[in-house]
Amino acid sequence: MCCDRGLFTSFTKTEQKSVIVGNGAAISVLDYGQMAVEVYDGSEWVRTTIDKVLFVSELKTNLFSVNCASDKGYVMLTDDNSCQFYKNNKVCAIAKRVGNSYYLQLRYKNKVANVARKVKTTAIRVARKISASKL
């Protein structure tokens, strides 16, 4: 889910629907679309797209769904410091752990003044809570 409409490369209108966020609140999904991003795989930045991203303007930060990634065939391996996303036994992306959240290492292009593009580095919070107790 993304809160910045300017990060999308395409949009599709959606019927009125909402999503439930961590605090139990229901917030409106305005559209969905595709984002062109670069993800860090541990050695280099790789261009890719993320499809069916929900545009939810009420969010304060972008959220990445581990369940959606799993449904698309990605496997996640976590440790105390990071979460690695694999597909076909290849690391596709890495999220760094900060406190109780993982932040996906990615860059995206954002329109600036409608004539130039600027590459930004961002951290998208991986929507996965870490259990308070160790297993």
N, C-alpha and C. Protein backbone atom coordinates (compact mmCIF):
# COMPACT_ATOMS: atom_id res chain seq x y z
N MET A 1 0.85 -1.17 0.00
CA MET A 1 0.00 0.00 0.00
C MET A 1 0.89 1.23 0.00
N CYS A 2 0.50 2.21 -0.77
CA CYS A 2 1.30 3.42 -0.92
C CYS A 2 0.43 4.65 -0.69
N CYS A 3 1.01 5.64 -0.02
CA CYS A 3 0.27 6.87 0.30
C CYS A 3 0.63 8.03 -0.63
N ASP A 4 1.53 7.82 -1.59
CA ASP A 4 1.99 8.89 -2.47
C ASP A 4 1.60 8.58 -3.91
N ARG A 5 0.57 9.26 -4.41
CA ARG A 5 0.08 9.00 -5.77
C ARG A 5 1.16 9.25 -6.83
N GLY A 6 2.09 10.15 -6.56
CA GLY A 6 3.14 10.46 -7.51
C GLY A 6 4.11 9.33 -7.78
N LEU A 7 4.10 8.28 -6.98
CA LEU A 7 5.03 7.16 -7.17
C LEU A 7 4.50 6.10 -8.13
N PHE A 8 3.24 6.21 -8.51
CA PHE A 8 2.64 5.21 -9.40
C PHE A 8 2.96 5.52 -10.86
N THR A 9 3.16 4.45 -11.64
CA THR A 9 3.37 4.61 -13.08
C THR A 9 2.09 4.36 -13.86
N SER A 10 1.12 3.69 -13.25
CA SER A 10 -0.18 3.48 -13.87
C SER A 10 -1.23 3.28 -12.78
N PHE A 11 -2.49 3.53 -13.16
CA PHE A 11 -3.60 3.41 -12.21
C PHE A 11 -4.75 2.64 -12.82
N THR A 12 -5.49 1.98 -11.96
CA THR A 12 -6.75 1.36 -12.31
C THR A 12 -7.75 1.76 -11.25
N LYS A 13 -8.91 2.19 -11.68
CA LYS A 13 -9.96 2.55 -10.73
C LYS A 13 -10.43 1.30 -10.02
N THR A 14 -10.77 1.45 -8.78
CA THR A 14 -11.28 0.32 -8.00
C THR A 14 -12.65 0.67 -7.44
N GLU A 15 -13.45 -0.35 -7.24
CA GLU A 15 -14.73 -0.12 -6.57
C GLU A 15 -14.42 0.34 -5.16
N GLN A 16 -15.37 1.02 -4.58
CA GLN A 16 -15.15 1.53 -3.23
C GLN A 16 -14.88 0.36 -2.29
N LYS A 17 -13.70 0.39 -1.67
CA LYS A 17 -13.37 -0.63 -0.68
C LYS A 17 -12.43 -0.03 0.34
N SER A 18 -12.21 -0.77 1.40
CA SER A 18 -11.32 -0.28 2.45
C SER A 18 -10.43 -1.42 2.93
N VAL A 19 -9.39 -1.06 3.65
CA VAL A 19 -8.49 -2.04 4.26
C VAL A 19 -8.44 -1.75 5.76
N ILE A 20 -8.19 -2.79 6.51
CA ILE A 20 -8.05 -2.67 7.96
C ILE A 20 -6.55 -2.58 8.26
N VAL A 21 -6.14 -1.56 8.98
CA VAL A 21 -4.73 -1.37 9.32
C VAL A 21 -4.47 -1.83 10.76
N GLY A 22 -3.21 -1.76 11.16
CA GLY A 22 -2.76 -2.31 12.43
C GLY A 22 -3.53 -1.89 13.66
N ASN A 23 -4.04 -0.67 13.67
CA ASN A 23 -4.79 -0.20 14.85
C ASN A 23 -6.27 -0.56 14.79
N GLY A 24 -6.65 -1.33 13.76
CA GLY A 24 -8.04 -1.76 13.62
C GLY A 24 -8.92 -0.83 12.82
N ALA A 25 -8.40 0.31 12.41
CA ALA A 25 -9.19 1.28 11.64
C ALA A 25 -9.36 0.82 10.20
N ALA A 26 -10.51 1.13 9.62
CA ALA A 26 -10.76 0.87 8.20
C ALA A 26 -10.48 2.16 7.44
N ILE A 27 -9.59 2.08 6.44
CA ILE A 27 -9.28 3.27 5.63
C ILE A 27 -9.55 2.96 4.16
N SER A 28 -9.92 3.99 3.42
CA SER A 28 -10.36 3.84 2.03
C SER A 28 -9.21 3.59 1.07
N VAL A 29 -9.46 2.67 0.14
CA VAL A 29 -8.56 2.45 -0.99
C VAL A 29 -9.11 3.28 -2.13
N LEU A 30 -8.30 4.18 -2.68
CA LEU A 30 -8.78 5.09 -3.73
C LEU A 30 -8.61 4.50 -5.12
N ASP A 31 -7.49 3.88 -5.41
CA ASP A 31 -7.16 3.26 -6.69
C ASP A 31 -6.14 2.17 -6.40
N TYR A 32 -5.72 1.48 -7.46
CA TYR A 32 -4.55 0.62 -7.36
C TYR A 32 -3.77 0.74 -8.66
N GLY A 33 -2.51 0.35 -8.62
CA GLY A 33 -1.70 0.49 -9.82
C GLY A 33 -0.35 -0.15 -9.69
N GLN A 34 0.56 0.34 -10.51
CA GLN A 34 1.90 -0.22 -10.61
C GLN A 34 2.94 0.83 -10.23
N MET A 35 3.99 0.38 -9.55
CA MET A 35 5.11 1.26 -9.20
C MET A 35 6.39 0.69 -9.81
N ALA A 36 7.19 1.55 -10.42
CA ALA A 36 8.52 1.16 -10.91
C ALA A 36 9.52 1.54 -9.82
N VAL A 37 10.28 0.57 -9.36
CA VAL A 37 11.23 0.80 -8.27
C VAL A 37 12.55 0.10 -8.56
N GLU A 38 13.54 0.41 -7.76
CA GLU A 38 14.79 -0.33 -7.75
C GLU A 38 14.94 -0.90 -6.35
N VAL A 39 15.21 -2.21 -6.27
CA VAL A 39 15.40 -2.86 -4.97
C VAL A 39 16.85 -3.29 -4.85
N TYR A 40 17.34 -3.28 -3.62
CA TYR A 40 18.72 -3.68 -3.36
C TYR A 40 18.72 -5.17 -3.04
N ASP A 41 19.51 -5.95 -3.78
CA ASP A 41 19.54 -7.40 -3.58
C ASP A 41 20.75 -7.86 -2.77
N GLY A 42 21.46 -6.91 -2.17
CA GLY A 42 22.64 -7.25 -1.39
C GLY A 42 23.94 -6.91 -2.08
N SER A 43 23.89 -6.77 -3.41
CA SER A 43 25.10 -6.41 -4.15
C SER A 43 24.87 -5.29 -5.16
N GLU A 44 23.64 -5.13 -5.64
CA GLU A 44 23.36 -4.08 -6.62
C GLU A 44 21.89 -3.69 -6.58
N TRP A 45 21.58 -2.54 -7.19
CA TRP A 45 20.21 -2.07 -7.33
C TRP A 45 19.62 -2.68 -8.59
N VAL A 46 18.44 -3.29 -8.48
CA VAL A 46 17.81 -3.99 -9.58
C VAL A 46 16.46 -3.34 -9.87
N ARG A 47 16.22 -3.00 -11.15
CA ARG A 47 14.93 -2.41 -11.54
C ARG A 47 13.86 -3.49 -11.56
N THR A 48 12.70 -3.13 -11.04
CA THR A 48 11.57 -4.05 -11.04
C THR A 48 10.28 -3.24 -10.93
N THR A 49 9.17 -3.92 -11.01
CA THR A 49 7.89 -3.26 -10.79
C THR A 49 7.14 -4.00 -9.68
N ILE A 50 6.32 -3.27 -8.98
CA ILE A 50 5.43 -3.86 -7.99
C ILE A 50 4.02 -3.62 -8.52
N ASP A 51 3.28 -4.70 -8.74
CA ASP A 51 1.95 -4.63 -9.32
C ASP A 51 0.87 -4.64 -8.24
N LYS A 52 -0.30 -4.15 -8.61
CA LYS A 52 -1.48 -4.16 -7.75
C LYS A 52 -1.22 -3.50 -6.40
N VAL A 53 -0.51 -2.38 -6.44
CA VAL A 53 -0.25 -1.60 -5.23
C VAL A 53 -1.48 -0.75 -4.94
N LEU A 54 -1.98 -0.82 -3.73
CA LEU A 54 -3.15 -0.03 -3.35
C LEU A 54 -2.75 1.40 -3.02
N PHE A 55 -3.51 2.36 -3.55
CA PHE A 55 -3.29 3.76 -3.22
C PHE A 55 -4.20 4.11 -2.05
N VAL A 56 -3.58 4.37 -0.89
CA VAL A 56 -4.30 4.66 0.35
C VAL A 56 -3.71 5.95 0.91
N SER A 57 -4.34 7.07 0.60
CA SER A 57 -3.77 8.37 0.95
C SER A 57 -3.71 8.62 2.46
N GLU A 58 -4.51 7.93 3.24
CA GLU A 58 -4.54 8.16 4.68
C GLU A 58 -3.35 7.55 5.43
N LEU A 59 -2.58 6.71 4.78
CA LEU A 59 -1.42 6.11 5.44
C LEU A 59 -0.37 7.17 5.73
N LYS A 60 0.39 6.96 6.78
CA LYS A 60 1.51 7.85 7.10
C LYS A 60 2.81 7.33 6.52
N THR A 61 2.85 6.05 6.19
CA THR A 61 4.03 5.44 5.58
C THR A 61 3.54 4.36 4.63
N ASN A 62 4.35 4.01 3.66
CA ASN A 62 4.01 2.93 2.74
C ASN A 62 4.17 1.60 3.45
N LEU A 63 3.31 0.64 3.12
CA LEU A 63 3.36 -0.68 3.74
C LEU A 63 3.51 -1.75 2.67
N PHE A 64 4.33 -2.74 2.96
CA PHE A 64 4.58 -3.85 2.05
C PHE A 64 4.00 -5.11 2.67
N SER A 65 3.18 -5.83 1.96
CA SER A 65 2.52 -7.01 2.49
C SER A 65 3.35 -8.26 2.26
N VAL A 66 3.78 -8.88 3.34
CA VAL A 66 4.50 -10.15 3.25
C VAL A 66 3.59 -11.23 2.69
N ASN A 67 2.31 -11.22 3.07
CA ASN A 67 1.38 -12.22 2.56
C ASN A 67 1.22 -12.12 1.05
N CYS A 68 1.11 -10.91 0.51
CA CYS A 68 1.00 -10.74 -0.95
C CYS A 68 2.26 -11.23 -1.65
N ALA A 69 3.42 -10.93 -1.08
CA ALA A 69 4.68 -11.40 -1.67
C ALA A 69 4.73 -12.93 -1.67
N SER A 70 4.31 -13.53 -0.58
CA SER A 70 4.27 -14.99 -0.49
C SER A 70 3.32 -15.59 -1.52
N ASP A 71 2.16 -14.96 -1.71
CA ASP A 71 1.20 -15.42 -2.71
C ASP A 71 1.77 -15.36 -4.12
N LYS A 72 2.74 -14.49 -4.36
CA LYS A 72 3.37 -14.36 -5.69
C LYS A 72 4.62 -15.23 -5.82
N GLY A 73 4.85 -16.12 -4.85
CA GLY A 73 5.95 -17.07 -4.96
C GLY A 73 7.24 -16.66 -4.29
N TYR A 74 7.25 -15.55 -3.56
CA TYR A 74 8.46 -15.14 -2.85
C TYR A 74 8.55 -15.88 -1.53
N VAL A 75 9.77 -16.18 -1.14
CA VAL A 75 10.05 -16.83 0.14
C VAL A 75 10.84 -15.84 0.98
N MET A 76 10.47 -15.69 2.25
CA MET A 76 11.15 -14.75 3.13
C MET A 76 11.98 -15.52 4.16
N LEU A 77 13.19 -15.03 4.38
CA LEU A 77 14.08 -15.59 5.40
C LEU A 77 14.48 -14.43 6.30
N THR A 78 14.16 -14.54 7.58
CA THR A 78 14.46 -13.44 8.50
C THR A 78 15.48 -13.88 9.54
N ASP A 79 16.22 -12.89 10.03
CA ASP A 79 17.11 -13.09 11.17
C ASP A 79 16.97 -11.85 12.06
N ASP A 80 17.88 -11.68 12.99
CA ASP A 80 17.77 -10.55 13.92
C ASP A 80 17.94 -9.19 13.26
N ASN A 81 18.56 -9.14 12.07
CA ASN A 81 18.90 -7.86 11.44
C ASN A 81 18.21 -7.58 10.11
N SER A 82 17.72 -8.62 9.43
CA SER A 82 17.18 -8.39 8.10
C SER A 82 16.15 -9.44 7.72
N CYS A 83 15.45 -9.14 6.63
CA CYS A 83 14.52 -10.07 6.00
C CYS A 83 14.90 -10.10 4.52
N GLN A 84 15.22 -11.28 4.01
CA GLN A 84 15.59 -11.41 2.61
C GLN A 84 14.43 -12.06 1.85
N PHE A 85 14.12 -11.50 0.68
CA PHE A 85 13.07 -12.02 -0.18
C PHE A 85 13.71 -12.79 -1.32
N TYR A 86 13.35 -14.06 -1.47
CA TYR A 86 13.90 -14.93 -2.50
C TYR A 86 12.82 -15.33 -3.49
N LYS A 87 13.23 -15.50 -4.74
CA LYS A 87 12.38 -16.12 -5.75
C LYS A 87 13.30 -16.95 -6.63
N ASN A 88 12.94 -18.21 -6.83
CA ASN A 88 13.77 -19.14 -7.60
C ASN A 88 15.19 -19.21 -7.03
N ASN A 89 15.29 -19.26 -5.72
CA ASN A 89 16.57 -19.37 -4.99
C ASN A 89 17.50 -18.18 -5.20
N LYS A 90 16.98 -17.04 -5.61
CA LYS A 90 17.79 -15.84 -5.81
C LYS A 90 17.27 -14.73 -4.91
N VAL A 91 18.19 -14.03 -4.24
CA VAL A 91 17.78 -12.89 -3.41
C VAL A 91 17.25 -11.80 -4.33
N CYS A 92 16.04 -11.35 -4.08
CA CYS A 92 15.42 -10.31 -4.91
C CYS A 92 15.36 -8.97 -4.20
N ALA A 93 15.30 -8.99 -2.88
CA ALA A 93 15.22 -7.74 -2.12
C ALA A 93 15.59 -8.03 -0.67
N ILE A 94 16.03 -6.97 0.01
CA ILE A 94 16.41 -7.08 1.42
C ILE A 94 15.73 -5.97 2.20
N ALA A 95 15.19 -6.34 3.35
CA ALA A 95 14.62 -5.37 4.28
C ALA A 95 15.47 -5.39 5.55
N LYS A 96 15.84 -4.22 6.03
CA LYS A 96 16.63 -4.09 7.26
C LYS A 96 15.70 -3.92 8.45
N ARG A 97 16.06 -4.56 9.55
CA ARG A 97 15.26 -4.45 10.77
C ARG A 97 15.66 -3.20 11.55
N VAL A 98 14.64 -2.44 11.93
CA VAL A 98 14.81 -1.27 12.79
C VAL A 98 13.73 -1.40 13.87
N GLY A 99 14.15 -1.66 15.09
CA GLY A 99 13.17 -1.87 16.16
C GLY A 99 12.34 -3.09 15.88
N ASN A 100 11.02 -2.93 15.88
CA ASN A 100 10.11 -4.05 15.64
C ASN A 100 9.57 -4.10 14.22
N SER A 101 10.21 -3.40 13.29
CA SER A 101 9.75 -3.38 11.90
C SER A 101 10.91 -3.66 10.97
N TYR A 102 10.58 -4.13 9.78
CA TYR A 102 11.55 -4.29 8.71
C TYR A 102 11.28 -3.20 7.67
N TYR A 103 12.34 -2.61 7.13
CA TYR A 103 12.23 -1.56 6.12
C TYR A 103 12.89 -2.03 4.84
N LEU A 104 12.08 -2.14 3.78
CA LEU A 104 12.56 -2.60 2.50
C LEU A 104 13.48 -1.55 1.89
N GLN A 105 14.65 -1.99 1.42
CA GLN A 105 15.60 -1.08 0.79
C GLN A 105 15.21 -0.94 -0.68
N LEU A 106 14.70 0.24 -1.02
CA LEU A 106 14.34 0.49 -2.41
C LEU A 106 14.48 1.95 -2.76
N ARG A 107 14.56 2.17 -4.06
CA ARG A 107 14.60 3.53 -4.60
C ARG A 107 13.47 3.63 -5.61
N TYR A 108 12.98 4.84 -5.78
CA TYR A 108 11.92 5.06 -6.75
C TYR A 108 12.11 6.41 -7.40
N LYS A 109 11.48 6.56 -8.56
CA LYS A 109 11.54 7.85 -9.25
C LYS A 109 10.29 8.63 -8.88
N ASN A 110 10.50 9.89 -8.60
CA ASN A 110 9.40 10.76 -8.21
C ASN A 110 9.42 11.99 -9.12
N LYS A 111 8.28 12.37 -9.64
CA LYS A 111 8.22 13.54 -10.51
C LYS A 111 8.55 14.79 -9.70
N VAL A 112 9.37 15.65 -10.28
CA VAL A 112 9.71 16.92 -9.65
C VAL A 112 9.45 18.01 -10.68
N ALA A 113 8.57 18.94 -10.37
CA ALA A 113 8.23 20.08 -11.23
C ALA A 113 7.74 19.66 -12.61
N ASN A 114 7.24 18.44 -12.73
CA ASN A 114 6.67 17.90 -13.97
C ASN A 114 7.63 17.87 -15.15
N VAL A 115 8.90 18.20 -14.97
CA VAL A 115 9.84 18.16 -16.09
C VAL A 115 11.07 17.32 -15.79
N ALA A 116 11.33 17.06 -14.56
CA ALA A 116 12.52 16.29 -14.20
C ALA A 116 12.11 15.16 -13.28
N ARG A 117 12.97 14.18 -13.17
CA ARG A 117 12.73 13.08 -12.25
C ARG A 117 13.89 13.01 -11.28
N LYS A 118 13.56 12.67 -10.08
CA LYS A 118 14.57 12.60 -9.03
C LYS A 118 14.51 11.22 -8.41
N VAL A 119 15.65 10.59 -8.23
CA VAL A 119 15.68 9.28 -7.60
C VAL A 119 15.81 9.48 -6.11
N LYS A 120 14.93 8.85 -5.38
CA LYS A 120 14.96 8.93 -3.93
C LYS A 120 15.20 7.54 -3.36
N THR A 121 15.84 7.51 -2.24
CA THR A 121 15.96 6.26 -1.50
C THR A 121 14.96 6.32 -0.37
N THR A 122 14.25 5.26 -0.20
CA THR A 122 13.22 5.23 0.83
C THR A 122 13.24 3.91 1.54
N ALA A 123 12.58 3.87 2.62
CA ALA A 123 12.37 2.62 3.35
C ALA A 123 10.88 2.40 3.44
N ILE A 124 10.44 1.28 2.95
CA ILE A 124 9.03 0.94 3.07
C ILE A 124 8.90 -0.06 4.20
N ARG A 125 8.05 0.24 5.10
CA ARG A 125 7.86 -0.61 6.26
C ARG A 125 7.22 -1.92 5.84
N VAL A 126 7.86 -2.98 6.16
CA VAL A 126 7.31 -4.29 5.88
C VAL A 126 6.26 -4.58 6.93
N ALA A 127 5.05 -4.84 6.45
CA ALA A 127 3.92 -4.99 7.37
C ALA A 127 3.95 -6.37 8.02
N ARG A 128 4.92 -6.55 8.89
CA ARG A 128 5.04 -7.82 9.60
C ARG A 128 5.48 -7.53 11.02
N LYS A 129 4.67 -7.82 11.97
CA LYS A 129 5.01 -7.59 13.37
C LYS A 129 5.97 -8.67 13.84
N ILE A 130 6.91 -8.27 14.64
CA ILE A 130 7.83 -9.21 15.24
C ILE A 130 7.29 -9.58 16.61
N SER A 131 7.25 -10.84 16.88
CA SER A 131 6.73 -11.29 18.16
C SER A 131 7.56 -10.74 19.30
N ALA A 132 6.90 -10.32 20.36
CA ALA A 132 7.60 -9.76 21.51
C ALA A 132 8.42 -10.82 22.23
N SER A 133 8.02 -12.07 22.08
CA SER A 133 8.78 -13.13 22.74
C SER A 133 9.60 -13.90 21.73
N LYS A 134 10.78 -14.32 22.13
CA LYS A 134 11.65 -15.12 21.26
C LYS A 134 11.17 -16.56 21.29
N LEU A 135 11.25 -17.23 20.13
CA LEU A 135 10.87 -18.64 20.06
C LEU A 135 12.00 -19.50 20.54
